[in-house]
Amino acid sequence: MLHTDLFDAGNNKYGLGLYIGAVGSANESDPKVIQRSGSTTVAYGIKPIYGVGISYVYFWNGIFGKGLNLGITPAAGFDNSAKGSLLLQTGYQFR
């Protein structure tokens, strides 16, 4: 969800939203054993770290106009301890 009436109800160039999803990744500590004909392989996987963040997006021509938009989201997730990350976003609207 993204709200664009942050500073002025008539200005829809600034958006504030809530991000819920993957905010990073970590190596799995438990190895996976893969059995193939005549050989055994031990593999470590990468698992996502899920968390939340507050996103800010700037729309050059407003949220309803064509054009470039840029955003930033400071986020935090938890995997045995707190993990912080900074997500950057760029996009273009074609409508």
PDB file of N, CA and C in Angstrom:
ATOM      1  N   MET A   1       0.844  -1.161   0.000  1.00  0.00           N
ATOM      2  CA  MET A   1       0.000   0.000   0.000  1.00  0.00           C
ATOM      3  C   MET A   1       0.890   1.224   0.000  1.00  0.00           C
ATOM      4  N   LEU A   2       0.520   2.220  -0.782  1.00  0.00           N
ATOM      5  CA  LEU A   2       1.314   3.425  -0.939  1.00  0.00           C
ATOM      6  C   LEU A   2       0.395   4.630  -0.813  1.00  0.00           C
ATOM      7  N   HIS A   3       0.725   5.542   0.082  1.00  0.00           N
ATOM      8  CA  HIS A   3      -0.051   6.770   0.258  1.00  0.00           C
ATOM      9  C   HIS A   3       0.712   7.925  -0.360  1.00  0.00           C
ATOM     10  N   THR A   4       0.017   8.790  -1.131  1.00  0.00           N
ATOM     11  CA  THR A   4       0.680   9.906  -1.785  1.00  0.00           C
ATOM     12  C   THR A   4       0.230  11.263  -1.259  1.00  0.00           C
ATOM     13  N   ASP A   5      -0.588  11.297  -0.238  1.00  0.00           N
ATOM     14  CA  ASP A   5      -1.042  12.577   0.304  1.00  0.00           C
ATOM     15  C   ASP A   5      -0.261  12.944   1.574  1.00  0.00           C
ATOM     16  N   LEU A   6       1.061  12.798   1.520  1.00  0.00           N
ATOM     17  CA  LEU A   6       1.898  13.020   2.694  1.00  0.00           C
ATOM     18  C   LEU A   6       1.953  14.478   3.128  1.00  0.00           C
ATOM     19  N   PHE A   7       2.259  15.361   2.188  1.00  0.00           N
ATOM     20  CA  PHE A   7       2.489  16.756   2.545  1.00  0.00           C
ATOM     21  C   PHE A   7       1.332  17.660   2.153  1.00  0.00           C
ATOM     22  N   ASP A   8       0.641  17.321   1.094  1.00  0.00           N
ATOM     23  CA  ASP A   8      -0.445  18.136   0.572  1.00  0.00           C
ATOM     24  C   ASP A   8      -1.373  17.199  -0.197  1.00  0.00           C
ATOM     25  N   ALA A   9      -2.660  17.308   0.043  1.00  0.00           N
ATOM     26  CA  ALA A   9      -3.613  16.408  -0.614  1.00  0.00           C
ATOM     27  C   ALA A   9      -3.584  16.546  -2.129  1.00  0.00           C
ATOM     28  N   GLY A  10      -3.192  17.723  -2.660  1.00  0.00           N
ATOM     29  CA  GLY A  10      -3.148  17.935  -4.098  1.00  0.00           C
ATOM     30  C   GLY A  10      -1.851  17.491  -4.744  1.00  0.00           C
ATOM     31  N   ASN A  11      -0.834  17.179  -3.950  1.00  0.00           N
ATOM     32  CA  ASN A  11       0.464  16.782  -4.483  1.00  0.00           C
ATOM     33  C   ASN A  11       0.607  15.275  -4.382  1.00  0.00           C
ATOM     34  N   ASN A  12       0.693  14.592  -5.523  1.00  0.00           N
ATOM     35  CA  ASN A  12       0.798  13.129  -5.503  1.00  0.00           C
ATOM     36  C   ASN A  12       2.150  12.655  -6.037  1.00  0.00           C
ATOM     37  N   LYS A  13       3.207  13.432  -5.789  1.00  0.00           N
ATOM     38  CA  LYS A  13       4.555  13.038  -6.236  1.00  0.00           C
ATOM     39  C   LYS A  13       5.324  12.264  -5.182  1.00  0.00           C
ATOM     40  N   TYR A  14       4.909  12.345  -3.936  1.00  0.00           N
ATOM     41  CA  TYR A  14       5.610  11.676  -2.846  1.00  0.00           C
ATOM     42  C   TYR A  14       4.758  10.526  -2.328  1.00  0.00           C
ATOM     43  N   GLY A  15       5.366   9.367  -2.146  1.00  0.00           N
ATOM     44  CA  GLY A  15       4.621   8.221  -1.650  1.00  0.00           C
ATOM     45  C   GLY A  15       5.313   7.596  -0.454  1.00  0.00           C
ATOM     46  N   LEU A  16       4.532   7.162   0.508  1.00  0.00           N
ATOM     47  CA  LEU A  16       5.033   6.465   1.689  1.00  0.00           C
ATOM     48  C   LEU A  16       4.283   5.146   1.780  1.00  0.00           C
ATOM     49  N   GLY A  17       5.022   4.063   1.993  1.00  0.00           N
ATOM     50  CA  GLY A  17       4.373   2.757   2.012  1.00  0.00           C
ATOM     51  C   GLY A  17       5.009   1.796   2.991  1.00  0.00           C
ATOM     52  N   LEU A  18       4.430   0.633   3.083  1.00  0.00           N
ATOM     53  CA  LEU A  18       4.903  -0.432   3.958  1.00  0.00           C
ATOM     54  C   LEU A  18       5.371  -1.586   3.081  1.00  0.00           C
ATOM     55  N   TYR A  19       6.577  -2.100   3.350  1.00  0.00           N
ATOM     56  CA  TYR A  19       7.144  -3.213   2.602  1.00  0.00           C
ATOM     57  C   TYR A  19       7.215  -4.421   3.528  1.00  0.00           C
ATOM     58  N   ILE A  20       6.699  -5.555   3.072  1.00  0.00           N
ATOM     59  CA  ILE A  20       6.801  -6.818   3.802  1.00  0.00           C
ATOM     60  C   ILE A  20       7.287  -7.865   2.804  1.00  0.00           C
ATOM     61  N   GLY A  21       8.431  -8.480   3.111  1.00  0.00           N
ATOM     62  CA  GLY A  21       8.969  -9.477   2.192  1.00  0.00           C
ATOM     63  C   GLY A  21      10.424  -9.772   2.497  1.00  0.00           C
ATOM     64  N   ALA A  22      11.140 -10.289   1.508  1.00  0.00           N
ATOM     65  CA  ALA A  22      12.557 -10.619   1.675  1.00  0.00           C
ATOM     66  C   ALA A  22      13.380  -9.336   1.768  1.00  0.00           C
ATOM     67  N   VAL A  23      14.235  -9.255   2.782  1.00  0.00           N
ATOM     68  CA  VAL A  23      15.095  -8.092   2.969  1.00  0.00           C
ATOM     69  C   VAL A  23      16.574  -8.452   2.892  1.00  0.00           C
ATOM     70  N   GLY A  24      16.882  -9.709   2.649  1.00  0.00           N
ATOM     71  CA  GLY A  24      18.268 -10.152   2.543  1.00  0.00           C
ATOM     72  C   GLY A  24      18.324 -11.657   2.384  1.00  0.00           C
ATOM     73  N   SER A  25      19.535 -12.206   2.495  1.00  0.00           N
ATOM     74  CA  SER A  25      19.703 -13.652   2.398  1.00  0.00           C
ATOM     75  C   SER A  25      20.823 -14.095   3.333  1.00  0.00           C
ATOM     76  N   ALA A  26      20.805 -15.368   3.665  1.00  0.00           N
ATOM     77  CA  ALA A  26      21.826 -15.940   4.547  1.00  0.00           C
ATOM     78  C   ALA A  26      22.122 -17.360   4.094  1.00  0.00           C
ATOM     79  N   ASN A  27      23.315 -17.813   4.387  1.00  0.00           N
ATOM     80  CA  ASN A  27      23.672 -19.194   4.093  1.00  0.00           C
ATOM     81  C   ASN A  27      23.011 -20.112   5.111  1.00  0.00           C
ATOM     82  N   GLU A  28      22.485 -21.226   4.642  1.00  0.00           N
ATOM     83  CA  GLU A  28      21.905 -22.208   5.557  1.00  0.00           C
ATOM     84  C   GLU A  28      23.022 -22.917   6.299  1.00  0.00           C
ATOM     85  N   SER A  29      22.824 -23.140   7.579  1.00  0.00           N
ATOM     86  CA  SER A  29      23.857 -23.795   8.379  1.00  0.00           C
ATOM     87  C   SER A  29      23.793 -25.317   8.271  1.00  0.00           C
ATOM     88  N   ASP A  30      22.654 -25.864   7.875  1.00  0.00           N
ATOM     89  CA  ASP A  30      22.516 -27.313   7.735  1.00  0.00           C
ATOM     90  C   ASP A  30      22.806 -27.723   6.299  1.00  0.00           C
ATOM     91  N   PRO A  31      23.830 -28.550   6.071  1.00  0.00           N
ATOM     92  CA  PRO A  31      24.139 -28.958   4.707  1.00  0.00           C
ATOM     93  C   PRO A  31      23.108 -29.941   4.169  1.00  0.00           C
ATOM     94  N   LYS A  32      22.931 -29.916   2.878  1.00  0.00           N
ATOM     95  CA  LYS A  32      22.059 -30.858   2.195  1.00  0.00           C
ATOM     96  C   LYS A  32      22.950 -31.890   1.503  1.00  0.00           C
ATOM     97  N   VAL A  33      22.641 -33.144   1.679  1.00  0.00           N
ATOM     98  CA  VAL A  33      23.410 -34.214   1.049  1.00  0.00           C
ATOM     99  C   VAL A  33      22.674 -34.645  -0.214  1.00  0.00           C
ATOM    100  N   ILE A  34      23.375 -34.557  -1.340  1.00  0.00           N
ATOM    101  CA  ILE A  34      22.800 -34.920  -2.631  1.00  0.00           C
ATOM    102  C   ILE A  34      23.466 -36.206  -3.090  1.00  0.00           C
ATOM    103  N   GLN A  35      22.662 -37.255  -3.256  1.00  0.00           N
ATOM    104  CA  GLN A  35      23.178 -38.567  -3.687  1.00  0.00           C
ATOM    105  C   GLN A  35      22.960 -38.707  -5.192  1.00  0.00           C
ATOM    106  N   ARG A  36      24.035 -38.936  -5.907  1.00  0.00           N
ATOM    107  CA  ARG A  36      23.948 -39.227  -7.338  1.00  0.00           C
ATOM    108  C   ARG A  36      24.594 -40.580  -7.565  1.00  0.00           C
ATOM    109  N   SER A  37      24.427 -41.109  -8.723  1.00  0.00           N
ATOM    110  CA  SER A  37      24.970 -42.446  -8.999  1.00  0.00           C
ATOM    111  C   SER A  37      26.486 -42.475  -8.785  1.00  0.00           C
ATOM    112  N   GLY A  38      26.917 -43.128  -7.715  1.00  0.00           N
ATOM    113  CA  GLY A  38      28.332 -43.293  -7.432  1.00  0.00           C
ATOM    114  C   GLY A  38      29.001 -42.136  -6.714  1.00  0.00           C
ATOM    115  N   SER A  39      28.294 -41.035  -6.414  1.00  0.00           N
ATOM    116  CA  SER A  39      28.942 -39.917  -5.712  1.00  0.00           C
ATOM    117  C   SER A  39      27.984 -39.266  -4.727  1.00  0.00           C
ATOM    118  N   THR A  40      28.546 -38.619  -3.755  1.00  0.00           N
ATOM    119  CA  THR A  40      27.783 -37.889  -2.753  1.00  0.00           C
ATOM    120  C   THR A  40      28.311 -36.460  -2.715  1.00  0.00           C
ATOM    121  N   THR A  41      27.407 -35.481  -2.745  1.00  0.00           N
ATOM    122  CA  THR A  41      27.782 -34.070  -2.709  1.00  0.00           C
ATOM    123  C   THR A  41      27.099 -33.419  -1.513  1.00  0.00           C
ATOM    124  N   VAL A  42      27.857 -32.600  -0.803  1.00  0.00           N
ATOM    125  CA  VAL A  42      27.299 -31.821   0.298  1.00  0.00           C
ATOM    126  C   VAL A  42      27.154 -30.394  -0.197  1.00  0.00           C
ATOM    127  N   ALA A  43      25.958 -29.837  -0.089  1.00  0.00           N
ATOM    128  CA  ALA A  43      25.706 -28.488  -0.589  1.00  0.00           C
ATOM    129  C   ALA A  43      25.065 -27.634   0.496  1.00  0.00           C
ATOM    130  N   TYR A  44      25.474 -26.395   0.538  1.00  0.00           N
ATOM    131  CA  TYR A  44      24.854 -25.417   1.422  1.00  0.00           C
ATOM    132  C   TYR A  44      23.996 -24.494   0.574  1.00  0.00           C
ATOM    133  N   GLY A  45      22.819 -24.201   1.043  1.00  0.00           N
ATOM    134  CA  GLY A  45      21.913 -23.346   0.285  1.00  0.00           C
ATOM    135  C   GLY A  45      21.858 -21.940   0.856  1.00  0.00           C
ATOM    136  N   ILE A  46      21.176 -21.100   0.137  1.00  0.00           N
ATOM    137  CA  ILE A  46      20.942 -19.728   0.583  1.00  0.00           C
ATOM    138  C   ILE A  46      19.462 -19.598   0.878  1.00  0.00           C
ATOM    139  N   LYS A  47      19.149 -19.065   2.034  1.00  0.00           N
ATOM    140  CA  LYS A  47      17.741 -18.885   2.393  1.00  0.00           C
ATOM    141  C   LYS A  47      17.444 -17.396   2.540  1.00  0.00           C
ATOM    142  N   PRO A  48      16.216 -16.997   2.211  1.00  0.00           N
ATOM    143  CA  PRO A  48      15.856 -15.587   2.340  1.00  0.00           C
ATOM    144  C   PRO A  48      15.629 -15.203   3.799  1.00  0.00           C
ATOM    145  N   ILE A  49      15.894 -13.948   4.113  1.00  0.00           N
ATOM    146  CA  ILE A  49      15.569 -13.376   5.419  1.00  0.00           C
ATOM    147  C   ILE A  49      14.372 -12.461   5.184  1.00  0.00           C
ATOM    148  N   TYR A  50      13.275 -12.716   5.862  1.00  0.00           N
ATOM    149  CA  TYR A  50      12.061 -11.919   5.699  1.00  0.00           C
ATOM    150  C   TYR A  50      11.975 -10.854   6.769  1.00  0.00           C
ATOM    151  N   GLY A  51      11.366  -9.728   6.414  1.00  0.00           N
ATOM    152  CA  GLY A  51      11.230  -8.637   7.371  1.00  0.00           C
ATOM    153  C   GLY A  51      10.277  -7.574   6.870  1.00  0.00           C
ATOM    154  N   VAL A  52      10.381  -6.389   7.456  1.00  0.00           N
ATOM    155  CA  VAL A  52       9.505  -5.267   7.119  1.00  0.00           C
ATOM    156  C   VAL A  52      10.341  -4.003   6.930  1.00  0.00           C
ATOM    157  N   GLY A  53       9.754  -3.048   6.230  1.00  0.00           N
ATOM    158  CA  GLY A  53      10.409  -1.767   6.019  1.00  0.00           C
ATOM    159  C   GLY A  53       9.392  -0.693   5.679  1.00  0.00           C
ATOM    160  N   ILE A  54       9.825   0.556   5.782  1.00  0.00           N
ATOM    161  CA  ILE A  54       9.015   1.707   5.404  1.00  0.00           C
ATOM    162  C   ILE A  54       9.609   2.259   4.116  1.00  0.00           C
ATOM    163  N   SER A  55       8.806   2.367   3.076  1.00  0.00           N
ATOM    164  CA  SER A  55       9.326   2.807   1.790  1.00  0.00           C
ATOM    165  C   SER A  55       8.895   4.246   1.486  1.00  0.00           C
ATOM    166  N   TYR A  56       9.794   4.960   0.814  1.00  0.00           N
ATOM    167  CA  TYR A  56       9.519   6.305   0.316  1.00  0.00           C
ATOM    168  C   TYR A  56       9.770   6.281  -1.187  1.00  0.00           C
ATOM    169  N   VAL A  57       8.818   6.785  -1.969  1.00  0.00           N
ATOM    170  CA  VAL A  57       8.935   6.797  -3.430  1.00  0.00           C
ATOM    171  C   VAL A  57       8.621   8.206  -3.935  1.00  0.00           C
ATOM    172  N   TYR A  58       9.435   8.671  -4.886  1.00  0.00           N
ATOM    173  CA  TYR A  58       9.182   9.958  -5.540  1.00  0.00           C
ATOM    174  C   TYR A  58       8.802   9.695  -6.989  1.00  0.00           C
ATOM    175  N   PHE A  59       7.650  10.222  -7.411  1.00  0.00           N
ATOM    176  CA  PHE A  59       7.141  10.087  -8.778  1.00  0.00           C
ATOM    177  C   PHE A  59       7.339  11.421  -9.493  1.00  0.00           C
ATOM    178  N   TRP A  60       8.175  11.454 -10.536  1.00  0.00           N
ATOM    179  CA  TRP A  60       8.490  12.709 -11.221  1.00  0.00           C
ATOM    180  C   TRP A  60       7.250  13.391 -11.788  1.00  0.00           C
ATOM    181  N   ASN A  61       6.316  12.640 -12.348  1.00  0.00           N
ATOM    182  CA  ASN A  61       5.112  13.217 -12.954  1.00  0.00           C
ATOM    183  C   ASN A  61       3.850  12.857 -12.182  1.00  0.00           C
ATOM    184  N   GLY A  62       3.966  12.555 -10.930  1.00  0.00           N
ATOM    185  CA  GLY A  62       2.817  12.160 -10.123  1.00  0.00           C
ATOM    186  C   GLY A  62       2.548  10.674 -10.261  1.00  0.00           C
ATOM    187  N   ILE A  63       1.811  10.119  -9.317  1.00  0.00           N
ATOM    188  CA  ILE A  63       1.578   8.675  -9.297  1.00  0.00           C
ATOM    189  C   ILE A  63       0.709   8.220 -10.477  1.00  0.00           C
ATOM    190  N   PHE A  64      -0.070   9.127 -11.072  1.00  0.00           N
ATOM    191  CA  PHE A  64      -0.947   8.734 -12.170  1.00  0.00           C
ATOM    192  C   PHE A  64      -0.378   9.083 -13.536  1.00  0.00           C
ATOM    193  N   GLY A  65       0.819   9.707 -13.600  1.00  0.00           N
ATOM    194  CA  GLY A  65       1.389  10.103 -14.882  1.00  0.00           C
ATOM    195  C   GLY A  65       2.508   9.187 -15.335  1.00  0.00           C
ATOM    196  N   LYS A  66       2.800   9.238 -16.641  1.00  0.00           N
ATOM    197  CA  LYS A  66       3.939   8.493 -17.174  1.00  0.00           C
ATOM    198  C   LYS A  66       5.212   9.088 -16.611  1.00  0.00           C
ATOM    199  N   GLY A  67       6.205   8.233 -16.392  1.00  0.00           N
ATOM    200  CA  GLY A  67       7.492   8.773 -15.987  1.00  0.00           C
ATOM    201  C   GLY A  67       8.239   7.936 -14.985  1.00  0.00           C
ATOM    202  N   LEU A  68       9.400   8.445 -14.641  1.00  0.00           N
ATOM    203  CA  LEU A  68      10.346   7.796 -13.747  1.00  0.00           C
ATOM    204  C   LEU A  68       9.915   7.919 -12.291  1.00  0.00           C
ATOM    205  N   ASN A  69      10.211   6.886 -11.507  1.00  0.00           N
ATOM    206  CA  ASN A  69      10.029   6.967 -10.060  1.00  0.00           C
ATOM    207  C   ASN A  69      11.206   6.288  -9.377  1.00  0.00           C
ATOM    208  N   LEU A  70      11.602   6.830  -8.251  1.00  0.00           N
ATOM    209  CA  LEU A  70      12.711   6.303  -7.465  1.00  0.00           C
ATOM    210  C   LEU A  70      12.260   6.112  -6.036  1.00  0.00           C
ATOM    211  N   GLY A  71      12.766   5.069  -5.376  1.00  0.00           N
ATOM    212  CA  GLY A  71      12.370   4.810  -4.002  1.00  0.00           C
ATOM    213  C   GLY A  71      13.502   4.251  -3.170  1.00  0.00           C
ATOM    214  N   ILE A  72      13.322   4.354  -1.865  1.00  0.00           N
ATOM    215  CA  ILE A  72      14.280   3.838  -0.897  1.00  0.00           C
ATOM    216  C   ILE A  72      13.498   3.224   0.258  1.00  0.00           C
ATOM    217  N   THR A  73      13.988   2.091   0.773  1.00  0.00           N
ATOM    218  CA  THR A  73      13.313   1.405   1.869  1.00  0.00           C
ATOM    219  C   THR A  73      14.332   0.919   2.887  1.00  0.00           C
ATOM    220  N   PRO A  74      14.419   1.569   4.054  1.00  0.00           N
ATOM    221  CA  PRO A  74      15.193   0.969   5.144  1.00  0.00           C
ATOM    222  C   PRO A  74      14.358  -0.182   5.721  1.00  0.00           C
ATOM    223  N   ALA A  75      14.972  -1.355   5.858  1.00  0.00           N
ATOM    224  CA  ALA A  75      14.225  -2.537   6.279  1.00  0.00           C
ATOM    225  C   ALA A  75      15.001  -3.317   7.333  1.00  0.00           C
ATOM    226  N   ALA A  76      14.276  -4.116   8.086  1.00  0.00           N
ATOM    227  CA  ALA A  76      14.892  -4.973   9.108  1.00  0.00           C
ATOM    228  C   ALA A  76      14.253  -6.343   9.050  1.00  0.00           C
ATOM    229  N   GLY A  77      15.100  -7.371   9.232  1.00  0.00           N
ATOM    230  CA  GLY A  77      14.640  -8.749   9.271  1.00  0.00           C
ATOM    231  C   GLY A  77      15.330  -9.482  10.399  1.00  0.00           C
ATOM    232  N   PHE A  78      14.896 -10.693  10.680  1.00  0.00           N
ATOM    233  CA  PHE A  78      15.447 -11.445  11.804  1.00  0.00           C
ATOM    234  C   PHE A  78      15.811 -12.855  11.376  1.00  0.00           C
ATOM    235  N   ASP A  79      17.066 -13.238  11.646  1.00  0.00           N
ATOM    236  CA  ASP A  79      17.579 -14.574  11.383  1.00  0.00           C
ATOM    237  C   ASP A  79      18.624 -14.849  12.462  1.00  0.00           C
ATOM    238  N   ASN A  80      18.220 -15.370  13.572  1.00  0.00           N
ATOM    239  CA  ASN A  80      19.046 -15.561  14.771  1.00  0.00           C
ATOM    240  C   ASN A  80      19.414 -14.236  15.428  1.00  0.00           C
ATOM    241  N   SER A  81      19.452 -13.150  14.682  1.00  0.00           N
ATOM    242  CA  SER A  81      19.675 -11.808  15.203  1.00  0.00           C
ATOM    243  C   SER A  81      19.091 -10.822  14.196  1.00  0.00           C
ATOM    244  N   ALA A  82      19.002  -9.576  14.594  1.00  0.00           N
ATOM    245  CA  ALA A  82      18.438  -8.564  13.703  1.00  0.00           C
ATOM    246  C   ALA A  82      19.389  -8.274  12.553  1.00  0.00           C
ATOM    247  N   LYS A  83      18.848  -8.152  11.351  1.00  0.00           N
ATOM    248  CA  LYS A  83      19.617  -7.823  10.145  1.00  0.00           C
ATOM    249  C   LYS A  83      18.979  -6.598   9.509  1.00  0.00           C
ATOM    250  N   GLY A  84      19.768  -5.585   9.247  1.00  0.00           N
ATOM    251  CA  GLY A  84      19.269  -4.385   8.594  1.00  0.00           C
ATOM    252  C   GLY A  84      19.704  -4.340   7.147  1.00  0.00           C
ATOM    253  N   SER A  85      18.906  -3.697   6.311  1.00  0.00           N
ATOM    254  CA  SER A  85      19.274  -3.547   4.908  1.00  0.00           C
ATOM    255  C   SER A  85      18.625  -2.283   4.362  1.00  0.00           C
ATOM    256  N   LEU A  86      19.141  -1.841   3.236  1.00  0.00           N
ATOM    257  CA  LEU A  86      18.610  -0.677   2.551  1.00  0.00           C
ATOM    258  C   LEU A  86      18.275  -1.106   1.133  1.00  0.00           C
ATOM    259  N   LEU A  87      16.997  -1.044   0.775  1.00  0.00           N
ATOM    260  CA  LEU A  87      16.538  -1.462  -0.547  1.00  0.00           C
ATOM    261  C   LEU A  87      16.348  -0.215  -1.410  1.00  0.00           C
ATOM    262  N   LEU A  88      16.860  -0.233  -2.633  1.00  0.00           N
ATOM    263  CA  LEU A  88      16.705   0.854  -3.570  1.00  0.00           C
ATOM    264  C   LEU A  88      15.818   0.394  -4.712  1.00  0.00           C
ATOM    265  N   GLN A  89      14.987   1.294  -5.230  1.00  0.00           N
ATOM    266  CA  GLN A  89      14.032   0.939  -6.269  1.00  0.00           C
ATOM    267  C   GLN A  89      14.019   2.035  -7.323  1.00  0.00           C
ATOM    268  N   THR A  90      13.960   1.632  -8.567  1.00  0.00           N
ATOM    269  CA  THR A  90      13.748   2.564  -9.673  1.00  0.00           C
ATOM    270  C   THR A  90      12.709   1.948 -10.597  1.00  0.00           C
ATOM    271  N   GLY A  91      11.895   2.779 -11.185  1.00  0.00           N
ATOM    272  CA  GLY A  91      10.855   2.257 -12.050  1.00  0.00           C
ATOM    273  C   GLY A  91      10.396   3.294 -13.064  1.00  0.00           C
ATOM    274  N   TYR A  92       9.578   2.864 -13.986  1.00  0.00           N
ATOM    275  CA  TYR A  92       8.993   3.744 -15.000  1.00  0.00           C
ATOM    276  C   TYR A  92       7.560   3.307 -15.211  1.00  0.00           C
ATOM    277  N   GLN A  93       6.651   4.273 -15.212  1.00  0.00           N
ATOM    278  CA  GLN A  93       5.231   3.987 -15.463  1.00  0.00           C
ATOM    279  C   GLN A  93       4.910   4.340 -16.895  1.00  0.00           C
ATOM    280  N   PHE A  94       4.211   3.453 -17.577  1.00  0.00           N
ATOM    281  CA  PHE A  94       3.900   3.636 -18.988  1.00  0.00           C
ATOM    282  C   PHE A  94       2.475   4.094 -19.243  1.00  0.00           C
ATOM    283  N   ARG A  95       1.707   4.381 -18.247  1.00  0.00           N
ATOM    284  CA  ARG A  95       0.325   4.772 -18.510  1.00  0.00           C
ATOM    285  C   ARG A  95       0.126   6.245 -18.573  1.00  0.00           C
TER     286      ARG A  95
END
